Amino acid sequence: MRLIKDHLELVGAPNFYTWSSKKINSITLARCAAFRTVFEDAAKKIKAPFNKNLLESIDLSYIVSINSPLVLNINYPNAILINIKPLKIDNLCKLDIYTTVATMMAGITFFKRLPFNEAIVFDFLKSLLIRIFGKRFGLLVSSRKTEFEKILREYVSTWRSGVQDIDMFISQFNELTKIDKGRFVAYSLKYTGVEGLPVFEDYYRLIACVIGSTIPNKVFKPTLVAANPAVANQIASLWHNAKRIS
């Protein structure tokens, strides 16, 4: 069951890399393990109950500057790459500590064995899309809501086999709402930010972004959790209970 896409269409970037250790070392600005105590203290201040997850994510995390629009980047088999380029900072001292913790915690998601939960994906995306487009484009009107849910349910059902096509979904969504891809992205960005945009097309990104947004930071928007707090709690529970990939 392939749940992680190779390429993220909406942001136009790889979902993960498979670079060698030599390549990782050549682009590393700092290893997060060198600042373990700092990150542990920060997590305690925000009362983040991440314990083992935090420790594991620190050991896997590297601060880099690469050509990606995303702060959270993954390198398989064993690296979380925290990319400072989108943050537009020129000094590591300017890197927000909580943003780093949030990115590490979101990143460890990709090294967990997460069972696919179709209901969670459907409920989360439904709530998020209604938040973004509902009132303005009539998704709450009973007849249109029924068709919207049908389109979304069919799209989410393709995630299990890894053949989801975000362009096809947006095309069908456009037929219902007259929102083309450009407007879909533009409206969504106001709510998800660049980092959260991939939640519409990748299971692990969806889980990771929700986890990241539970921590006050400058990358993962709290509006992701606000879209449906109950589902966000389900996602957090799924994440906490998932085992590390050995």
Protein backbone atom coordinates (compact mmCIF):
# COMPACT_ATOMS: atom_id res chain seq x y z
CA MET A 1 0.00 0.00 0.00
CA ARG A 2 1.72 3.19 -1.22
CA LEU A 3 0.58 6.17 0.82
CA ILE A 4 3.43 8.60 0.14
CA LYS A 5 3.45 10.39 -3.21
CA ASP A 6 6.71 11.00 -5.03
CA HIS A 7 5.81 14.53 -6.14
CA LEU A 8 3.55 17.22 -4.70
CA GLU A 9 1.64 18.85 -7.54
CA LEU A 10 0.24 21.90 -5.78
CA VAL A 11 3.62 23.18 -4.57
CA GLY A 12 5.62 21.73 -7.46
CA ALA A 13 8.20 19.96 -5.31
CA PRO A 14 9.42 16.46 -4.46
CA ASN A 15 7.65 14.90 -1.48
CA PHE A 16 10.91 13.28 -0.42
CA TYR A 17 14.52 12.79 -1.48
CA THR A 18 16.84 9.79 -1.47
CA TRP A 19 20.17 11.56 -1.19
CA SER A 20 23.30 9.86 0.10
CA SER A 21 24.77 10.55 3.54
CA LYS A 22 27.61 12.38 1.79
CA LYS A 23 25.11 14.69 0.08
CA ILE A 24 23.28 15.34 3.36
CA ASN A 25 26.53 16.20 5.11
CA SER A 26 27.49 18.58 2.31
CA ILE A 27 24.30 20.64 2.64
CA THR A 28 23.94 20.52 6.43
CA LEU A 29 24.24 23.84 8.25
CA ALA A 30 23.73 22.25 11.66
CA ARG A 31 22.57 19.01 13.25
CA CYS A 32 19.69 19.41 15.67
CA ALA A 33 21.24 16.82 17.97
CA ALA A 34 23.88 19.42 18.84
CA PHE A 35 21.14 21.50 20.49
CA ARG A 36 19.19 18.68 22.16
CA THR A 37 18.79 20.41 25.52
CA VAL A 38 17.48 23.58 23.90
CA PHE A 39 14.76 21.70 22.02
CA GLU A 40 13.80 19.59 25.02
CA ASP A 41 13.43 22.72 27.16
CA ALA A 42 11.31 24.40 24.48
CA ALA A 43 9.02 21.38 24.27
CA LYS A 44 8.57 21.43 28.05
CA LYS A 45 7.60 25.11 27.99
CA ILE A 46 4.75 24.46 25.58
CA LYS A 47 3.88 21.23 27.43
CA ALA A 48 4.24 19.14 24.29
CA PRO A 49 3.72 15.49 25.30
CA PHE A 50 6.06 14.14 22.67
CA ASN A 51 8.69 12.35 24.83
CA LYS A 52 10.14 9.53 22.70
CA ASN A 53 8.91 11.12 19.45
CA LEU A 54 10.81 14.30 20.19
CA LEU A 55 14.02 12.48 21.05
CA GLU A 56 13.88 10.43 17.87
CA SER A 57 13.09 13.44 15.70
CA ILE A 58 16.03 15.41 17.11
CA ASP A 59 18.43 12.62 16.17
CA LEU A 60 17.07 12.53 12.61
CA SER A 61 16.97 16.29 11.99
CA TYR A 62 19.35 18.46 9.98
CA ILE A 63 19.08 22.18 9.26
CA VAL A 64 19.71 22.88 5.58
CA SER A 65 19.11 25.44 2.85
CA ILE A 66 17.82 23.84 -0.35
CA ASN A 67 15.70 24.86 -3.34
CA SER A 68 12.31 23.76 -2.05
CA PRO A 69 9.26 25.87 -1.16
CA LEU A 70 8.75 23.65 1.89
CA VAL A 71 10.41 23.95 5.27
CA LEU A 72 9.77 20.28 6.05
CA ASN A 73 11.65 18.00 3.69
CA ILE A 74 12.25 14.29 4.06
CA ASN A 75 15.22 12.22 2.96
CA TYR A 76 14.77 8.48 3.01
CA PRO A 77 15.79 6.41 4.78
CA ASN A 78 16.84 8.48 7.75
CA ALA A 79 16.74 12.28 7.70
CA ILE A 80 14.38 15.15 8.45
CA LEU A 81 15.60 18.21 6.56
CA ILE A 82 14.55 21.55 8.05
CA ASN A 83 14.90 23.98 5.17
CA ILE A 84 15.50 27.60 6.16
CA LYS A 85 15.33 28.96 2.61
CA PRO A 86 11.53 29.57 2.60
CA LEU A 87 11.90 31.32 5.96
CA LYS A 88 14.20 33.89 4.36
CA ILE A 89 16.63 34.00 7.23
CA ASP A 90 20.36 34.44 6.79
CA ASN A 91 21.48 33.38 10.25
CA LEU A 92 20.65 30.24 12.23
CA CYS A 93 20.29 32.38 15.33
CA LYS A 94 17.13 33.80 13.74
CA LEU A 95 15.53 30.36 13.40
CA ASP A 96 12.51 30.23 15.68
CA ILE A 97 12.92 27.44 18.22
CA TYR A 98 9.25 26.45 18.22
CA THR A 99 9.13 26.36 14.44
CA THR A 100 12.06 23.96 14.56
CA VAL A 101 10.38 21.75 17.16
CA ALA A 102 7.11 21.75 15.18
CA THR A 103 8.95 20.81 11.98
CA MET A 104 10.84 17.99 13.69
CA MET A 105 7.64 16.60 15.18
CA ALA A 106 5.86 16.84 11.83
CA GLY A 107 8.85 15.19 10.16
CA ILE A 108 8.92 12.08 12.37
CA THR A 109 5.51 11.27 10.86
CA PHE A 110 7.26 10.01 7.72
CA PHE A 111 9.14 7.41 9.76
CA LYS A 112 6.04 5.94 11.38
CA ARG A 113 3.94 3.01 10.22
CA LEU A 114 0.62 4.83 9.91
CA PRO A 115 -2.51 2.82 9.09
CA PHE A 116 -4.58 4.49 6.40
CA ASN A 117 -7.79 5.94 7.82
CA GLU A 118 -10.11 6.96 5.00
CA ALA A 119 -12.73 8.42 7.35
CA ILE A 120 -10.21 10.77 8.94
CA VAL A 121 -9.00 12.01 5.55
CA PHE A 122 -12.54 12.55 4.30
CA ASP A 123 -13.76 14.32 7.45
CA PHE A 124 -10.68 16.54 7.64
CA LEU A 125 -10.68 17.57 3.98
CA LYS A 126 -14.44 18.10 4.01
CA SER A 127 -14.16 20.44 7.00
CA LEU A 128 -11.16 22.25 5.53
CA LEU A 129 -12.76 22.76 2.11
CA ILE A 130 -15.98 24.00 3.67
CA ARG A 131 -13.98 26.44 5.81
CA ILE A 132 -12.21 27.78 2.72
CA PHE A 133 -14.95 27.66 0.09
CA GLY A 134 -18.22 26.85 1.86
CA LYS A 135 -20.11 30.10 2.24
CA ARG A 136 -18.56 31.90 -0.73
CA PHE A 137 -19.24 29.10 -3.21
CA GLY A 138 -22.38 27.53 -1.80
CA LEU A 139 -21.02 24.21 -0.55
CA LEU A 140 -23.50 24.38 2.32
CA VAL A 141 -26.52 24.37 -0.02
CA SER A 142 -28.04 20.90 0.36
CA SER A 143 -27.98 19.85 -3.31
CA ARG A 144 -24.46 21.15 -3.91
CA LYS A 145 -23.22 19.75 -0.58
CA THR A 146 -24.37 16.27 -1.58
CA GLU A 147 -22.49 16.44 -4.89
CA PHE A 148 -19.43 17.92 -3.18
CA GLU A 149 -19.31 15.08 -0.66
CA LYS A 150 -19.68 12.51 -3.46
CA ILE A 151 -16.77 14.00 -5.42
CA LEU A 152 -14.60 14.20 -2.31
CA ARG A 153 -15.43 10.68 -1.15
CA GLU A 154 -14.52 9.25 -4.57
CA TYR A 155 -11.24 11.18 -4.53
CA VAL A 156 -10.27 10.08 -1.02
CA SER A 157 -11.02 6.45 -1.89
CA THR A 158 -8.12 6.57 -4.39
CA TRP A 159 -5.59 7.48 -1.68
CA ARG A 160 -5.39 3.94 -0.34
CA SER A 161 -3.86 2.68 -3.58
CA GLY A 162 -1.72 5.79 -4.08
CA VAL A 163 -3.30 6.83 -7.37
CA GLN A 164 -4.91 10.06 -6.16
CA ASP A 165 -5.01 12.76 -8.81
CA ILE A 166 -5.37 16.23 -7.30
CA ASP A 167 -5.78 17.80 -10.74
CA MET A 168 -8.72 15.51 -11.49
CA PHE A 169 -10.32 16.37 -8.15
CA ILE A 170 -9.90 20.10 -8.72
CA SER A 171 -11.37 19.70 -12.22
CA GLN A 172 -14.47 18.02 -10.78
CA PHE A 173 -14.60 20.60 -7.97
CA ASN A 174 -14.41 23.31 -10.64
CA GLU A 175 -17.45 21.89 -12.42
CA LEU A 176 -19.38 22.25 -9.19
CA THR A 177 -18.05 25.59 -7.94
CA LYS A 178 -16.42 27.29 -10.97
CA ILE A 179 -13.11 27.41 -9.09
CA ASP A 180 -10.19 26.63 -11.39
CA LYS A 181 -6.83 25.35 -10.16
CA GLY A 182 -5.28 28.80 -9.84
CA ARG A 183 -8.12 30.09 -7.67
CA PHE A 184 -8.23 26.84 -5.69
CA VAL A 185 -4.58 27.28 -4.77
CA ALA A 186 -4.89 31.02 -4.12
CA TYR A 187 -7.87 30.67 -1.76
CA SER A 188 -6.34 27.65 -0.02
CA LEU A 189 -2.99 29.34 0.60
CA LYS A 190 -4.67 31.98 2.74
CA TYR A 191 -5.85 29.23 5.04
CA THR A 192 -3.16 26.54 4.81
CA GLY A 193 -0.02 28.46 3.90
CA VAL A 194 2.49 26.88 1.51
CA GLU A 195 3.48 24.23 4.05
CA GLY A 196 -0.09 23.06 4.49
CA LEU A 197 -1.09 22.99 0.82
CA PRO A 198 0.00 19.34 0.33
CA VAL A 199 -2.68 18.14 2.78
CA PHE A 200 -4.99 17.98 -0.25
CA GLU A 201 -2.94 15.29 -1.97
CA ASP A 202 -0.80 13.23 0.41
CA TYR A 203 -1.73 11.20 3.51
CA TYR A 204 1.55 11.58 5.38
CA ARG A 205 1.69 15.32 4.65
CA LEU A 206 -1.85 15.67 5.97
CA ILE A 207 -0.95 13.92 9.24
CA ALA A 208 2.37 15.76 9.52
CA CYS A 209 0.89 19.21 8.92
CA VAL A 210 -1.84 18.71 11.50
CA ILE A 211 0.75 17.55 14.06
CA GLY A 212 2.94 20.54 13.25
CA SER A 213 0.03 22.94 13.62
CA THR A 214 -0.66 21.78 17.19
CA ILE A 215 2.51 23.61 18.24
CA PRO A 216 2.68 27.44 18.13
CA ASN A 217 5.08 28.19 15.27
CA LYS A 218 5.63 30.26 12.13
CA VAL A 219 5.19 27.55 9.47
CA PHE A 220 2.24 25.25 10.22
CA LYS A 221 -0.93 27.32 10.53
CA PRO A 222 -3.24 26.71 13.51
CA THR A 223 -6.17 27.00 11.09
CA LEU A 224 -5.48 23.38 10.09
CA VAL A 225 -6.43 22.20 13.57
CA ALA A 226 -9.23 24.77 13.75
CA ALA A 227 -10.85 23.30 10.63
CA ASN A 228 -12.04 20.37 12.73
CA PRO A 229 -10.57 20.06 16.25
CA ALA A 230 -12.25 16.69 16.86
CA VAL A 231 -10.65 15.15 13.77
CA ALA A 232 -7.34 16.82 14.65
CA ASN A 233 -7.50 14.98 18.00
CA GLN A 234 -8.11 11.71 16.15
CA ILE A 235 -5.09 12.40 13.97
CA ALA A 236 -2.94 13.15 17.03
CA SER A 237 -4.05 9.87 18.62
CA LEU A 238 -3.30 7.92 15.44
CA TRP A 239 0.13 9.57 15.27
CA HIS A 240 1.00 8.93 18.93
CA ASN A 241 0.06 5.25 18.70
CA ALA A 242 1.89 4.55 15.43
CA LYS A 243 5.12 2.57 15.67
CA ARG A 244 8.44 3.66 14.15
CA ILE A 245 9.43 1.95 10.91
CA SER A 246 12.37 -0.25 11.81
